[in-house]
N, C-alpha and C. Protein backbone atom coordinates (compact mmCIF):
# COMPACT_ATOMS: atom_id res chain seq x y z
N UNK A 1 161.54 89.03 67.63
CA UNK A 1 161.89 87.64 67.44
C UNK A 1 162.59 87.12 68.68
N UNK A 2 162.78 85.83 68.72
CA UNK A 2 163.51 85.23 69.84
C UNK A 2 165.02 85.30 69.62
N UNK A 3 165.44 85.92 68.53
CA UNK A 3 166.87 86.06 68.24
C UNK A 3 167.49 87.13 69.13
N UNK A 4 168.41 86.70 69.98
CA UNK A 4 169.07 87.65 70.89
C UNK A 4 170.18 88.39 70.16
N UNK A 5 170.64 89.46 70.76
CA UNK A 5 171.61 90.35 70.11
C UNK A 5 172.94 89.67 69.78
N UNK A 6 173.28 88.61 70.49
CA UNK A 6 174.56 87.95 70.24
C UNK A 6 174.44 86.77 69.28
N UNK A 7 173.25 86.52 68.75
CA UNK A 7 173.04 85.41 67.82
C UNK A 7 173.16 85.93 66.39
N UNK A 8 174.28 85.61 65.73
CA UNK A 8 174.58 86.16 64.42
C UNK A 8 173.62 85.70 63.33
N UNK A 9 172.93 84.59 63.52
CA UNK A 9 171.94 84.15 62.53
C UNK A 9 170.95 85.28 62.25
N UNK A 10 170.52 85.95 63.29
CA UNK A 10 169.49 86.98 63.14
C UNK A 10 170.02 88.25 62.50
N UNK A 11 171.33 88.47 62.47
CA UNK A 11 171.88 89.66 61.81
C UNK A 11 171.46 89.69 60.34
N UNK A 12 171.53 88.55 59.67
CA UNK A 12 171.16 88.47 58.26
C UNK A 12 169.66 88.70 58.08
N UNK A 13 168.87 88.10 58.95
CA UNK A 13 167.41 88.26 58.88
C UNK A 13 167.04 89.74 59.03
N UNK A 14 167.62 90.38 60.02
CA UNK A 14 167.31 91.78 60.27
C UNK A 14 167.79 92.68 59.14
N UNK A 15 168.96 92.40 58.61
CA UNK A 15 169.49 93.22 57.50
C UNK A 15 168.57 93.11 56.28
N UNK A 16 168.09 91.92 55.98
CA UNK A 16 167.20 91.74 54.83
C UNK A 16 165.86 92.44 55.05
N UNK A 17 165.33 92.34 56.27
CA UNK A 17 164.06 93.01 56.57
C UNK A 17 164.21 94.53 56.50
N UNK A 18 165.32 95.04 57.01
CA UNK A 18 165.55 96.48 56.94
C UNK A 18 165.65 96.95 55.49
N UNK A 19 166.35 96.20 54.66
CA UNK A 19 166.46 96.57 53.25
C UNK A 19 165.09 96.53 52.58
N UNK A 20 164.31 95.50 52.86
CA UNK A 20 162.96 95.40 52.30
C UNK A 20 162.08 96.56 52.73
N UNK A 21 162.18 96.95 53.98
CA UNK A 21 161.39 98.08 54.48
C UNK A 21 161.79 99.37 53.77
N UNK A 22 163.10 99.56 53.58
CA UNK A 22 163.56 100.75 52.85
C UNK A 22 163.06 100.73 51.41
N UNK A 23 163.16 99.58 50.77
CA UNK A 23 162.73 99.46 49.38
C UNK A 23 161.24 99.74 49.20
N UNK A 24 160.45 99.39 50.21
CA UNK A 24 158.99 99.56 50.12
C UNK A 24 158.48 100.77 50.89
N UNK A 25 159.43 101.58 51.41
CA UNK A 25 159.07 102.78 52.16
C UNK A 25 158.12 102.48 53.33
N UNK A 26 158.50 101.49 54.11
CA UNK A 26 157.72 101.06 55.27
C UNK A 26 158.50 101.40 56.53
N UNK A 27 157.79 101.90 57.54
CA UNK A 27 158.41 102.15 58.84
C UNK A 27 158.49 100.82 59.58
N UNK A 28 159.69 100.39 59.89
CA UNK A 28 159.91 99.09 60.51
C UNK A 28 160.66 99.27 61.81
N UNK A 29 160.16 98.68 62.87
CA UNK A 29 160.83 98.74 64.17
C UNK A 29 161.22 97.33 64.56
N UNK A 30 162.48 97.15 64.92
CA UNK A 30 162.97 95.85 65.36
C UNK A 30 163.31 95.90 66.83
N UNK A 31 163.09 94.79 67.47
CA UNK A 31 163.51 94.67 68.87
C UNK A 31 164.21 93.34 69.04
N UNK A 32 165.46 93.43 69.46
CA UNK A 32 166.23 92.24 69.81
C UNK A 32 166.64 92.40 71.25
N UNK A 33 166.50 91.35 71.98
CA UNK A 33 166.81 91.40 73.40
C UNK A 33 168.24 90.94 73.66
N UNK A 34 168.79 91.46 74.72
CA UNK A 34 170.08 90.98 75.20
C UNK A 34 169.88 89.56 75.72
N UNK A 35 170.94 88.76 75.82
CA UNK A 35 170.79 87.42 76.40
C UNK A 35 170.14 87.51 77.79
N UNK A 36 169.24 86.59 78.08
CA UNK A 36 168.52 86.59 79.34
C UNK A 36 168.97 85.42 80.20
N UNK A 37 168.55 85.43 81.44
CA UNK A 37 168.94 84.36 82.36
C UNK A 37 168.29 83.02 82.02
N UNK A 38 167.17 83.07 81.29
CA UNK A 38 166.51 81.84 80.86
C UNK A 38 165.62 82.14 79.65
N UNK A 39 165.21 81.09 78.95
CA UNK A 39 164.29 81.26 77.83
C UNK A 39 162.96 81.81 78.34
N UNK A 40 162.54 81.37 79.52
CA UNK A 40 161.27 81.85 80.07
C UNK A 40 161.29 83.36 80.26
N UNK A 41 162.39 83.90 80.75
CA UNK A 41 162.50 85.36 80.93
C UNK A 41 162.45 86.04 79.56
N UNK A 42 163.15 85.49 78.58
CA UNK A 42 163.12 86.05 77.23
C UNK A 42 161.69 86.06 76.69
N UNK A 43 160.99 84.94 76.81
CA UNK A 43 159.63 84.85 76.28
C UNK A 43 158.69 85.81 77.02
N UNK A 44 158.88 85.98 78.31
CA UNK A 44 158.05 86.92 79.06
C UNK A 44 158.27 88.34 78.55
N UNK A 45 159.53 88.70 78.32
CA UNK A 45 159.84 90.04 77.80
C UNK A 45 159.31 90.21 76.37
N UNK A 46 159.45 89.17 75.56
CA UNK A 46 158.91 89.24 74.19
C UNK A 46 157.40 89.46 74.23
N UNK A 47 156.71 88.69 75.07
CA UNK A 47 155.26 88.81 75.16
C UNK A 47 154.84 90.20 75.59
N UNK A 48 155.54 90.76 76.58
CA UNK A 48 155.21 92.11 77.05
C UNK A 48 155.44 93.14 75.94
N UNK A 49 156.52 92.99 75.19
CA UNK A 49 156.81 93.93 74.10
C UNK A 49 155.76 93.81 72.99
N UNK A 50 155.39 92.59 72.65
CA UNK A 50 154.36 92.38 71.62
C UNK A 50 153.06 93.04 72.04
N UNK A 51 152.64 92.82 73.28
CA UNK A 51 151.40 93.43 73.78
C UNK A 51 151.49 94.95 73.76
N UNK A 52 152.63 95.46 74.19
CA UNK A 52 152.82 96.91 74.23
C UNK A 52 152.69 97.52 72.84
N UNK A 53 153.31 96.88 71.85
CA UNK A 53 153.24 97.38 70.48
C UNK A 53 151.80 97.35 69.95
N UNK A 54 151.12 96.25 70.19
CA UNK A 54 149.75 96.11 69.69
C UNK A 54 148.80 97.08 70.40
N UNK A 55 148.96 97.22 71.69
CA UNK A 55 148.13 98.17 72.43
C UNK A 55 148.47 99.61 72.07
N UNK A 56 149.69 99.83 71.57
CA UNK A 56 150.13 101.15 71.16
C UNK A 56 149.65 101.56 69.78
N UNK A 57 149.00 100.64 69.07
CA UNK A 57 148.38 101.01 67.81
C UNK A 57 149.17 100.73 66.55
N UNK A 58 150.11 99.78 66.58
CA UNK A 58 150.83 99.46 65.34
C UNK A 58 149.85 98.89 64.32
N UNK A 59 150.18 99.04 63.04
CA UNK A 59 149.33 98.51 61.98
C UNK A 59 149.47 97.00 61.84
N UNK A 60 150.68 96.53 62.09
CA UNK A 60 150.93 95.10 61.94
C UNK A 60 152.20 94.71 62.66
N UNK A 61 152.36 93.43 62.85
CA UNK A 61 153.51 92.93 63.59
C UNK A 61 153.88 91.56 63.03
N UNK A 62 155.19 91.29 62.97
CA UNK A 62 155.60 89.93 62.66
C UNK A 62 156.44 89.44 63.82
N UNK A 63 156.19 88.19 64.19
CA UNK A 63 156.77 87.63 65.41
C UNK A 63 157.18 86.18 65.19
N UNK A 64 158.13 85.74 65.99
CA UNK A 64 158.38 84.31 66.11
C UNK A 64 157.54 83.84 67.29
N UNK A 65 156.80 82.78 67.07
CA UNK A 65 155.96 82.24 68.15
C UNK A 65 156.69 81.01 68.68
N UNK A 66 157.76 81.27 69.38
CA UNK A 66 158.66 80.22 69.82
C UNK A 66 158.22 79.53 71.11
N UNK A 67 157.13 80.01 71.70
CA UNK A 67 156.65 79.44 72.95
C UNK A 67 155.16 79.77 73.11
N UNK A 68 154.38 78.89 73.73
CA UNK A 68 152.96 79.18 73.95
C UNK A 68 152.71 80.50 74.69
N UNK A 69 153.64 80.93 75.52
CA UNK A 69 153.50 82.21 76.22
C UNK A 69 153.36 83.35 75.22
N UNK A 70 154.08 83.27 74.12
CA UNK A 70 154.03 84.30 73.09
C UNK A 70 152.71 84.21 72.33
N UNK A 71 152.19 82.99 72.19
CA UNK A 71 150.91 82.82 71.50
C UNK A 71 149.80 83.60 72.20
N UNK A 72 149.84 83.67 73.52
CA UNK A 72 148.84 84.44 74.26
C UNK A 72 148.88 85.91 73.89
N UNK A 73 150.08 86.45 73.74
CA UNK A 73 150.22 87.86 73.35
C UNK A 73 149.72 88.07 71.92
N UNK A 74 150.02 87.13 71.04
CA UNK A 74 149.56 87.23 69.65
C UNK A 74 148.04 87.18 69.59
N UNK A 75 147.45 86.33 70.40
CA UNK A 75 145.97 86.23 70.44
C UNK A 75 145.37 87.57 70.83
N UNK A 76 145.97 88.23 71.79
CA UNK A 76 145.48 89.55 72.23
C UNK A 76 145.64 90.57 71.10
N UNK A 77 146.72 90.51 70.35
CA UNK A 77 146.91 91.42 69.21
C UNK A 77 145.81 91.22 68.18
N UNK A 78 145.48 89.98 67.92
CA UNK A 78 144.39 89.70 66.97
C UNK A 78 143.08 90.30 67.46
N UNK A 79 142.83 90.20 68.77
CA UNK A 79 141.61 90.77 69.34
C UNK A 79 141.58 92.28 69.17
N UNK A 80 142.77 92.90 69.10
CA UNK A 80 142.89 94.34 68.91
C UNK A 80 142.91 94.71 67.42
N UNK A 81 142.66 93.75 66.55
CA UNK A 81 142.64 93.93 65.10
C UNK A 81 143.97 94.38 64.53
N UNK A 82 145.06 93.91 65.12
CA UNK A 82 146.40 94.16 64.58
C UNK A 82 146.75 92.99 63.67
N UNK A 83 147.21 93.29 62.47
CA UNK A 83 147.64 92.23 61.54
C UNK A 83 148.89 91.56 62.09
N UNK A 84 148.88 90.22 62.12
CA UNK A 84 150.00 89.47 62.67
C UNK A 84 150.45 88.43 61.65
N UNK A 85 151.76 88.35 61.45
CA UNK A 85 152.36 87.33 60.61
C UNK A 85 153.46 86.67 61.43
N UNK A 86 153.53 85.36 61.39
CA UNK A 86 154.59 84.68 62.14
C UNK A 86 155.73 84.29 61.19
N UNK A 87 156.93 84.30 61.75
CA UNK A 87 158.12 83.94 60.98
C UNK A 87 158.97 82.96 61.78
N UNK A 88 159.72 82.15 61.09
CA UNK A 88 160.75 81.28 61.62
C UNK A 88 160.20 80.17 62.51
N UNK A 89 159.79 80.47 63.71
CA UNK A 89 159.35 79.46 64.66
C UNK A 89 157.87 79.62 64.95
N UNK A 90 157.18 78.48 65.08
CA UNK A 90 155.81 78.54 65.53
C UNK A 90 154.74 78.26 64.51
N UNK A 91 155.03 77.45 63.50
CA UNK A 91 154.02 77.18 62.48
C UNK A 91 152.77 76.54 63.07
N UNK A 92 152.93 75.61 64.02
CA UNK A 92 151.76 74.95 64.60
C UNK A 92 150.92 75.95 65.40
N UNK A 93 151.57 76.78 66.19
CA UNK A 93 150.84 77.79 66.96
C UNK A 93 150.21 78.83 66.03
N UNK A 94 150.89 79.14 64.94
CA UNK A 94 150.35 80.07 63.95
C UNK A 94 149.04 79.54 63.39
N UNK A 95 149.02 78.25 63.07
CA UNK A 95 147.80 77.63 62.54
C UNK A 95 146.70 77.64 63.60
N UNK A 96 147.05 77.29 64.84
CA UNK A 96 146.06 77.29 65.93
C UNK A 96 145.44 78.67 66.12
N UNK A 97 146.24 79.71 65.95
CA UNK A 97 145.76 81.08 66.12
C UNK A 97 145.02 81.60 64.89
N UNK A 98 145.06 80.84 63.81
CA UNK A 98 144.37 81.27 62.59
C UNK A 98 145.07 82.40 61.86
N UNK A 99 146.39 82.48 62.01
CA UNK A 99 147.12 83.53 61.30
C UNK A 99 147.14 83.21 59.81
N UNK A 100 147.02 84.22 58.97
CA UNK A 100 146.94 83.95 57.53
C UNK A 100 148.29 83.58 56.90
N UNK A 101 149.39 83.94 57.53
CA UNK A 101 150.71 83.71 56.92
C UNK A 101 151.72 83.26 57.96
N UNK A 102 152.57 82.34 57.56
CA UNK A 102 153.74 81.95 58.35
C UNK A 102 154.89 81.77 57.36
N UNK A 103 155.99 82.43 57.63
CA UNK A 103 157.19 82.27 56.80
C UNK A 103 158.16 81.43 57.62
N UNK A 104 158.34 80.21 57.20
CA UNK A 104 159.20 79.31 57.94
C UNK A 104 159.05 77.90 57.41
N UNK A 105 159.37 76.93 58.24
CA UNK A 105 159.31 75.54 57.80
C UNK A 105 158.63 74.70 58.87
N UNK A 106 158.19 73.52 58.44
CA UNK A 106 157.66 72.54 59.38
C UNK A 106 158.89 71.85 59.97
N UNK A 107 159.14 72.10 61.24
CA UNK A 107 160.41 71.71 61.86
C UNK A 107 160.67 70.20 61.82
N UNK A 108 159.67 69.40 62.16
CA UNK A 108 159.91 67.95 62.16
C UNK A 108 160.26 67.46 60.76
N UNK A 109 159.58 67.98 59.77
CA UNK A 109 159.87 67.61 58.39
C UNK A 109 161.27 68.08 57.99
N UNK A 110 161.67 69.25 58.46
CA UNK A 110 163.01 69.76 58.14
C UNK A 110 164.09 68.84 58.71
N UNK A 111 163.91 68.39 59.94
CA UNK A 111 164.88 67.46 60.53
C UNK A 111 164.91 66.14 59.81
N UNK A 112 163.72 65.66 59.45
CA UNK A 112 163.58 64.39 58.74
C UNK A 112 164.29 64.46 57.38
N UNK A 113 163.98 65.49 56.61
CA UNK A 113 164.57 65.63 55.27
C UNK A 113 166.08 65.87 55.35
N UNK A 114 166.52 66.62 56.34
CA UNK A 114 167.97 66.89 56.44
C UNK A 114 168.74 65.62 56.74
N UNK A 115 168.13 64.72 57.49
CA UNK A 115 168.79 63.44 57.78
C UNK A 115 168.99 62.63 56.51
N UNK A 116 167.97 62.60 55.66
CA UNK A 116 168.09 61.87 54.40
C UNK A 116 169.13 62.53 53.48
N UNK A 117 169.16 63.85 53.47
CA UNK A 117 170.15 64.55 52.65
C UNK A 117 171.57 64.27 53.17
N UNK A 118 171.71 64.28 54.48
CA UNK A 118 173.00 64.00 55.09
C UNK A 118 173.47 62.58 54.73
N UNK A 119 172.55 61.62 54.77
CA UNK A 119 172.90 60.24 54.45
C UNK A 119 173.25 60.09 52.96
N UNK A 120 172.61 60.89 52.13
CA UNK A 120 172.89 60.87 50.70
C UNK A 120 174.28 61.43 50.40
N UNK A 121 174.72 62.37 51.20
CA UNK A 121 175.98 63.07 50.93
C UNK A 121 177.21 62.39 51.51
N UNK A 122 177.02 61.50 52.49
CA UNK A 122 178.19 60.86 53.10
C UNK A 122 177.80 59.51 53.71
N UNK A 123 178.81 58.76 54.10
CA UNK A 123 178.58 57.46 54.73
C UNK A 123 178.91 57.57 56.20
N UNK A 124 177.98 57.18 57.04
CA UNK A 124 178.20 57.20 58.48
C UNK A 124 177.28 56.18 59.13
N UNK A 125 177.63 55.78 60.35
CA UNK A 125 176.84 54.76 61.04
C UNK A 125 176.19 55.27 62.32
N UNK A 126 176.60 56.45 62.75
CA UNK A 126 176.06 57.04 63.98
C UNK A 126 175.84 58.53 63.75
N UNK A 127 174.83 59.10 64.44
CA UNK A 127 174.55 60.52 64.25
C UNK A 127 173.98 61.16 65.51
N UNK A 128 174.29 62.44 65.67
CA UNK A 128 173.73 63.29 66.71
C UNK A 128 172.87 64.36 66.04
N UNK A 129 171.95 64.92 66.78
CA UNK A 129 171.23 66.11 66.34
C UNK A 129 171.78 67.27 67.16
N UNK A 130 172.36 68.26 66.49
CA UNK A 130 172.87 69.44 67.18
C UNK A 130 171.72 70.39 67.45
N UNK A 131 171.59 70.81 68.69
CA UNK A 131 170.49 71.67 69.10
C UNK A 131 171.08 72.91 69.75
N UNK A 132 170.93 74.05 69.07
CA UNK A 132 171.53 75.29 69.55
C UNK A 132 170.66 76.04 70.55
N UNK A 133 169.47 75.51 70.85
CA UNK A 133 168.61 76.16 71.83
C UNK A 133 167.66 75.11 72.39
N UNK A 134 168.15 74.37 73.36
CA UNK A 134 167.45 73.20 73.89
C UNK A 134 166.04 73.52 74.41
N UNK A 135 165.83 74.72 74.92
CA UNK A 135 164.53 75.09 75.47
C UNK A 135 163.53 75.53 74.41
N UNK A 136 163.94 75.60 73.17
CA UNK A 136 163.05 76.04 72.10
C UNK A 136 162.28 74.83 71.55
N UNK A 137 160.97 74.77 71.80
CA UNK A 137 160.19 73.58 71.43
C UNK A 137 160.33 73.18 69.96
N UNK A 138 160.42 74.14 69.05
CA UNK A 138 160.51 73.79 67.63
C UNK A 138 161.80 73.04 67.30
N UNK A 139 162.85 73.26 68.06
CA UNK A 139 164.09 72.53 67.81
C UNK A 139 163.98 71.10 68.32
N UNK A 140 163.17 70.89 69.34
CA UNK A 140 162.89 69.52 69.77
C UNK A 140 162.17 68.77 68.64
N UNK A 141 161.24 69.48 67.98
CA UNK A 141 160.53 68.88 66.83
C UNK A 141 161.51 68.54 65.71
N UNK A 142 162.44 69.44 65.44
CA UNK A 142 163.42 69.21 64.37
C UNK A 142 164.25 67.97 64.68
N UNK A 143 164.71 67.86 65.91
CA UNK A 143 165.51 66.69 66.29
C UNK A 143 164.67 65.41 66.28
N UNK A 144 163.38 65.51 66.59
CA UNK A 144 162.51 64.33 66.53
C UNK A 144 162.41 63.82 65.09
N UNK A 145 162.29 64.73 64.14
CA UNK A 145 162.25 64.34 62.74
C UNK A 145 163.56 63.70 62.29
N UNK A 146 164.66 64.27 62.75
CA UNK A 146 165.99 63.74 62.44
C UNK A 146 166.13 62.32 62.99
N UNK A 147 165.70 62.15 64.24
CA UNK A 147 165.78 60.83 64.88
C UNK A 147 164.93 59.80 64.13
N UNK A 148 163.73 60.17 63.73
CA UNK A 148 162.84 59.26 63.01
C UNK A 148 163.50 58.81 61.69
N UNK A 149 164.11 59.75 60.99
CA UNK A 149 164.78 59.40 59.72
C UNK A 149 165.98 58.49 59.97
N UNK A 150 166.76 58.78 61.00
CA UNK A 150 167.92 57.93 61.29
C UNK A 150 167.46 56.50 61.56
N UNK A 151 166.35 56.35 62.29
CA UNK A 151 165.81 55.02 62.57
C UNK A 151 165.42 54.33 61.26
N UNK A 152 164.73 55.03 60.38
CA UNK A 152 164.33 54.47 59.09
C UNK A 152 165.53 54.10 58.22
N UNK A 153 166.58 54.87 58.34
CA UNK A 153 167.79 54.63 57.55
C UNK A 153 168.68 53.54 58.15
N UNK A 154 168.36 53.11 59.37
CA UNK A 154 169.18 52.11 60.04
C UNK A 154 170.48 52.67 60.58
N UNK A 155 170.50 53.97 60.84
CA UNK A 155 171.69 54.64 61.38
C UNK A 155 171.45 54.88 62.87
N UNK A 156 172.44 54.53 63.68
CA UNK A 156 172.29 54.67 65.13
C UNK A 156 172.20 56.15 65.52
N UNK A 157 171.12 56.49 66.19
CA UNK A 157 170.90 57.87 66.66
C UNK A 157 171.40 57.95 68.10
N UNK A 158 172.34 58.87 68.34
CA UNK A 158 172.97 58.99 69.65
C UNK A 158 172.40 60.13 70.51
N UNK A 159 171.33 60.74 70.05
CA UNK A 159 170.69 61.78 70.85
C UNK A 159 171.07 63.18 70.40
N UNK A 160 170.68 64.11 71.25
CA UNK A 160 170.94 65.53 70.97
C UNK A 160 172.21 65.99 71.68
N UNK A 161 172.91 66.89 71.01
CA UNK A 161 174.03 67.60 71.63
C UNK A 161 173.62 69.06 71.67
N UNK A 162 173.57 69.60 72.87
CA UNK A 162 173.18 70.99 73.03
C UNK A 162 174.42 71.86 72.90
N UNK A 163 174.36 72.82 72.00
CA UNK A 163 175.45 73.76 71.78
C UNK A 163 174.98 75.16 72.15
N UNK A 164 175.88 76.07 72.46
CA UNK A 164 175.47 77.43 72.85
C UNK A 164 174.64 78.09 71.76
N UNK A 165 173.60 78.83 72.18
CA UNK A 165 172.74 79.50 71.21
C UNK A 165 173.13 80.94 70.94
N UNK A 166 174.19 81.42 71.54
CA UNK A 166 174.62 82.77 71.21
C UNK A 166 176.06 82.72 70.71
N UNK A 167 176.26 83.38 69.63
CA UNK A 167 177.56 83.43 68.98
C UNK A 167 178.25 84.71 69.41
N UNK A 168 178.71 84.74 70.62
CA UNK A 168 179.31 85.96 71.15
C UNK A 168 180.46 86.37 70.28
N UNK A 169 180.34 87.62 69.82
CA UNK A 169 181.33 88.14 68.88
C UNK A 169 182.62 88.47 69.56
């Protein structure tokens, strides 16, 4: 996944997957990368690892398709007849690749719906979209949905605020 070792969000995801693998007696290998100098470096390393696993003969792989660079690696895995399922990020790329399953959400819709929920829960006249990973295309989609809803609601949208994407412990 694109979840780096210092991002605590992924701790829960990995713990649940590990428990599921134990419950179903499945051999599961996880790879989380240390923080990189850029998202591009992270995606390059992810792509290389995905290709290595698929060329190494794994039965299946689940990945976040957080960038088109990763989609190229997934396409090669499909050519090698490796089962691929996408999670979290990349529903549009998953569809383009013809993957049978994606576990996640439509990001623009998520931003749109969250804006309406936020407006239902409180009164405010201005709003920002918090973006914890500015280089991640799916988060741009989420903020676009949020912005569209704010416009429809007549609430002033003040743009995105980029916050750190690693929760250094």
